[in-house]
């Protein structure tokens, strides 16, 4: 369990157990969310906490989300639970990516209000 992708595959519960077993110096793991747990473990190991990925435009991600939602609607009509679950997880993952891109995007200073 040395790389970030391997840690991200684990559930938050498993990550908390890992912290309790291998990193007793880390406090407050119970209150942390999954992403915070992954970053904390990587910092404790002295590894880089972020991956350098190429920039994907948000519009492309949202277009993919819309396509997946259409497929999900078809799966619901066909009562295909397995396919619906798979698509729901893919949609959630893409939404997370869009939020991260917006969060890490360029900071635009707010304009002063004119009187």
C-alpha atoms as a PDB file:
ATOM      1  CA  UNK A   1       0.000   0.000   0.000  1.00  0.00           C
ATOM      2  CA  UNK A   2       2.486   2.564  -1.067  1.00  0.00           C
ATOM      3  CA  UNK A   3       0.899   4.547  -3.849  1.00  0.00           C
ATOM      4  CA  UNK A   4      -1.921   7.040  -3.844  1.00  0.00           C
ATOM      5  CA  UNK A   5      -4.181   5.080  -6.233  1.00  0.00           C
ATOM      6  CA  UNK A   6      -3.927   2.032  -3.977  1.00  0.00           C
ATOM      7  CA  UNK A   7      -4.856   4.122  -0.935  1.00  0.00           C
ATOM      8  CA  UNK A   8      -7.782   5.709  -2.782  1.00  0.00           C
ATOM      9  CA  UNK A   9      -9.199   2.260  -3.540  1.00  0.00           C
ATOM     10  CA  UNK A  10      -9.550   1.584   0.194  1.00  0.00           C
ATOM     11  CA  UNK A  11     -12.624   2.654   2.130  1.00  0.00           C
ATOM     12  CA  UNK A  12     -12.412   5.370   4.771  1.00  0.00           C
ATOM     13  CA  UNK A  13     -12.872   2.715   7.472  1.00  0.00           C
ATOM     14  CA  UNK A  14      -9.891   0.698   6.165  1.00  0.00           C
ATOM     15  CA  UNK A  15      -7.798   3.874   5.959  1.00  0.00           C
ATOM     16  CA  UNK A  16      -8.620   4.694   9.591  1.00  0.00           C
ATOM     17  CA  UNK A  17      -7.630   1.162  10.609  1.00  0.00           C
ATOM     18  CA  UNK A  18      -4.361   1.548   8.678  1.00  0.00           C
ATOM     19  CA  UNK A  19      -3.609   4.821  10.464  1.00  0.00           C
ATOM     20  CA  UNK A  20      -4.391   3.292  13.857  1.00  0.00           C
ATOM     21  CA  UNK A  21      -2.120   0.290  13.188  1.00  0.00           C
ATOM     22  CA  UNK A  22       0.843   1.905  11.415  1.00  0.00           C
ATOM     23  CA  UNK A  23       0.763   5.600  12.340  1.00  0.00           C
ATOM     24  CA  UNK A  24      -0.248   6.014  16.008  1.00  0.00           C
ATOM     25  CA  UNK A  25       1.205   9.553  16.042  1.00  0.00           C
ATOM     26  CA  UNK A  26      -1.619  10.768  13.779  1.00  0.00           C
ATOM     27  CA  UNK A  27      -4.472  12.191  15.839  1.00  0.00           C
ATOM     28  CA  UNK A  28      -8.065  12.936  14.784  1.00  0.00           C
ATOM     29  CA  UNK A  29      -8.329  10.305  12.056  1.00  0.00           C
ATOM     30  CA  UNK A  30     -11.859   9.456  13.169  1.00  0.00           C
ATOM     31  CA  UNK A  31     -13.149  12.876  12.132  1.00  0.00           C
ATOM     32  CA  UNK A  32     -11.305  12.968   8.786  1.00  0.00           C
ATOM     33  CA  UNK A  33     -12.873  12.366   5.402  1.00  0.00           C
ATOM     34  CA  UNK A  34     -11.372   9.879   2.945  1.00  0.00           C
ATOM     35  CA  UNK A  35      -9.325  12.409   0.957  1.00  0.00           C
ATOM     36  CA  UNK A  36      -7.923  13.880   4.181  1.00  0.00           C
ATOM     37  CA  UNK A  37      -6.980  10.385   5.360  1.00  0.00           C
ATOM     38  CA  UNK A  38      -5.115   9.641   2.116  1.00  0.00           C
ATOM     39  CA  UNK A  39      -3.222  12.932   2.265  1.00  0.00           C
ATOM     40  CA  UNK A  40      -2.365  12.397   5.943  1.00  0.00           C
ATOM     41  CA  UNK A  41      -0.967   8.917   5.266  1.00  0.00           C
ATOM     42  CA  UNK A  42       1.085  10.208   2.336  1.00  0.00           C
ATOM     43  CA  UNK A  43       2.491  13.046   4.477  1.00  0.00           C
ATOM     44  CA  UNK A  44       3.367  10.590   7.252  1.00  0.00           C
ATOM     45  CA  UNK A  45       5.271   8.485   4.711  1.00  0.00           C
ATOM     46  CA  UNK A  46       7.022  11.541   3.297  1.00  0.00           C
ATOM     47  CA  UNK A  47       5.544  11.029  -0.157  1.00  0.00           C
ATOM     48  CA  UNK A  48       4.169  13.788  -2.406  1.00  0.00           C
ATOM     49  CA  UNK A  49       0.548  14.531  -1.542  1.00  0.00           C
ATOM     50  CA  UNK A  50      -0.664  15.361  -5.022  1.00  0.00           C
ATOM     51  CA  UNK A  51      -0.400  13.837  -8.432  1.00  0.00           C
ATOM     52  CA  UNK A  52       0.411  15.873 -11.469  1.00  0.00           C
ATOM     53  CA  UNK A  53      -2.275  15.202 -14.051  1.00  0.00           C
ATOM     54  CA  UNK A  54      -2.951  16.842 -17.331  1.00  0.00           C
ATOM     55  CA  UNK A  55      -5.726  19.397 -17.318  1.00  0.00           C
ATOM     56  CA  UNK A  56      -9.109  18.137 -18.477  1.00  0.00           C
ATOM     57  CA  UNK A  57     -11.616  20.866 -19.348  1.00  0.00           C
ATOM     58  CA  UNK A  58     -14.672  20.877 -17.093  1.00  0.00           C
ATOM     59  CA  UNK A  59     -16.915  21.058 -20.139  1.00  0.00           C
ATOM     60  CA  UNK A  60     -15.632  17.674 -21.300  1.00  0.00           C
ATOM     61  CA  UNK A  61     -16.257  16.167 -17.876  1.00  0.00           C
ATOM     62  CA  UNK A  62     -19.773  17.578 -17.735  1.00  0.00           C
ATOM     63  CA  UNK A  63     -20.513  16.306 -21.232  1.00  0.00           C
ATOM     64  CA  UNK A  64     -19.459  12.826 -20.118  1.00  0.00           C
ATOM     65  CA  UNK A  65     -21.623  13.145 -16.994  1.00  0.00           C
ATOM     66  CA  UNK A  66     -24.658  14.001 -19.136  1.00  0.00           C
ATOM     67  CA  UNK A  67     -24.028  10.972 -21.349  1.00  0.00           C
ATOM     68  CA  UNK A  68     -23.686   8.702 -18.326  1.00  0.00           C
ATOM     69  CA  UNK A  69     -26.892  10.086 -16.823  1.00  0.00           C
ATOM     70  CA  UNK A  70     -28.730   9.232 -20.038  1.00  0.00           C
ATOM     71  CA  UNK A  71     -27.335   5.697 -19.867  1.00  0.00           C
ATOM     72  CA  UNK A  72     -28.327   5.538 -16.213  1.00  0.00           C
ATOM     73  CA  UNK A  73     -31.911   6.485 -17.065  1.00  0.00           C
ATOM     74  CA  UNK A  74     -32.003   3.659 -19.612  1.00  0.00           C
ATOM     75  CA  UNK A  75     -30.616   1.230 -17.035  1.00  0.00           C
ATOM     76  CA  UNK A  76     -33.296   2.309 -14.559  1.00  0.00           C
ATOM     77  CA  UNK A  77     -36.017   1.731 -17.142  1.00  0.00           C
ATOM     78  CA  UNK A  78     -34.580  -1.712 -17.882  1.00  0.00           C
ATOM     79  CA  UNK A  79     -34.322  -2.333 -14.113  1.00  0.00           C
ATOM     80  CA  UNK A  80     -30.639  -3.190 -14.454  1.00  0.00           C
ATOM     81  CA  UNK A  81     -29.447  -2.583 -10.898  1.00  0.00           C
ATOM     82  CA  UNK A  82     -25.823  -3.583 -11.499  1.00  0.00           C
ATOM     83  CA  UNK A  83     -25.407  -1.238 -14.471  1.00  0.00           C
ATOM     84  CA  UNK A  84     -27.174   1.574 -12.580  1.00  0.00           C
ATOM     85  CA  UNK A  85     -24.817   1.203  -9.615  1.00  0.00           C
ATOM     86  CA  UNK A  86     -21.772   1.205 -11.886  1.00  0.00           C
ATOM     87  CA  UNK A  87     -22.938   4.347 -13.692  1.00  0.00           C
ATOM     88  CA  UNK A  88     -23.848   6.115 -10.447  1.00  0.00           C
ATOM     89  CA  UNK A  89     -20.311   5.560  -9.137  1.00  0.00           C
ATOM     90  CA  UNK A  90     -18.751   6.801 -12.388  1.00  0.00           C
ATOM     91  CA  UNK A  91     -20.924   9.929 -12.288  1.00  0.00           C
ATOM     92  CA  UNK A  92     -19.970  10.603  -8.667  1.00  0.00           C
ATOM     93  CA  UNK A  93     -16.274  10.211  -9.504  1.00  0.00           C
ATOM     94  CA  UNK A  94     -16.522  12.668 -12.390  1.00  0.00           C
ATOM     95  CA  UNK A  95     -18.419  15.171 -10.246  1.00  0.00           C
ATOM     96  CA  UNK A  96     -15.641  14.946  -7.656  1.00  0.00           C
ATOM     97  CA  UNK A  97     -13.108  15.684 -10.391  1.00  0.00           C
ATOM     98  CA  UNK A  98     -15.011  18.794 -11.484  1.00  0.00           C
ATOM     99  CA  UNK A  99     -15.139  20.042  -7.895  1.00  0.00           C
ATOM    100  CA  UNK A 100     -11.396  19.520  -7.498  1.00  0.00           C
ATOM    101  CA  UNK A 101     -10.656  21.351 -10.726  1.00  0.00           C
ATOM    102  CA  UNK A 102     -12.795  24.298  -9.640  1.00  0.00           C
ATOM    103  CA  UNK A 103     -11.205  24.262  -6.184  1.00  0.00           C
ATOM    104  CA  UNK A 104      -7.652  24.266  -7.545  1.00  0.00           C
ATOM    105  CA  UNK A 105      -8.368  26.604 -10.444  1.00  0.00           C
ATOM    106  CA  UNK A 106      -7.023  30.122 -10.758  1.00  0.00           C
ATOM    107  CA  UNK A 107      -8.158  32.465  -8.041  1.00  0.00           C
ATOM    108  CA  UNK A 108      -9.912  35.503  -9.461  1.00  0.00           C
ATOM    109  CA  UNK A 109      -9.882  38.472  -7.118  1.00  0.00           C
ATOM    110  CA  UNK A 110     -13.278  39.874  -6.272  1.00  0.00           C
ATOM    111  CA  UNK A 111     -14.048  43.310  -7.627  1.00  0.00           C
ATOM    112  CA  UNK A 112     -14.655  46.081  -5.162  1.00  0.00           C
ATOM    113  CA  UNK A 113     -18.260  47.193  -5.025  1.00  0.00           C
ATOM    114  CA  UNK A 114     -18.857  50.599  -6.505  1.00  0.00           C
ATOM    115  CA  UNK A 115     -21.011  53.089  -4.677  1.00  0.00           C
END
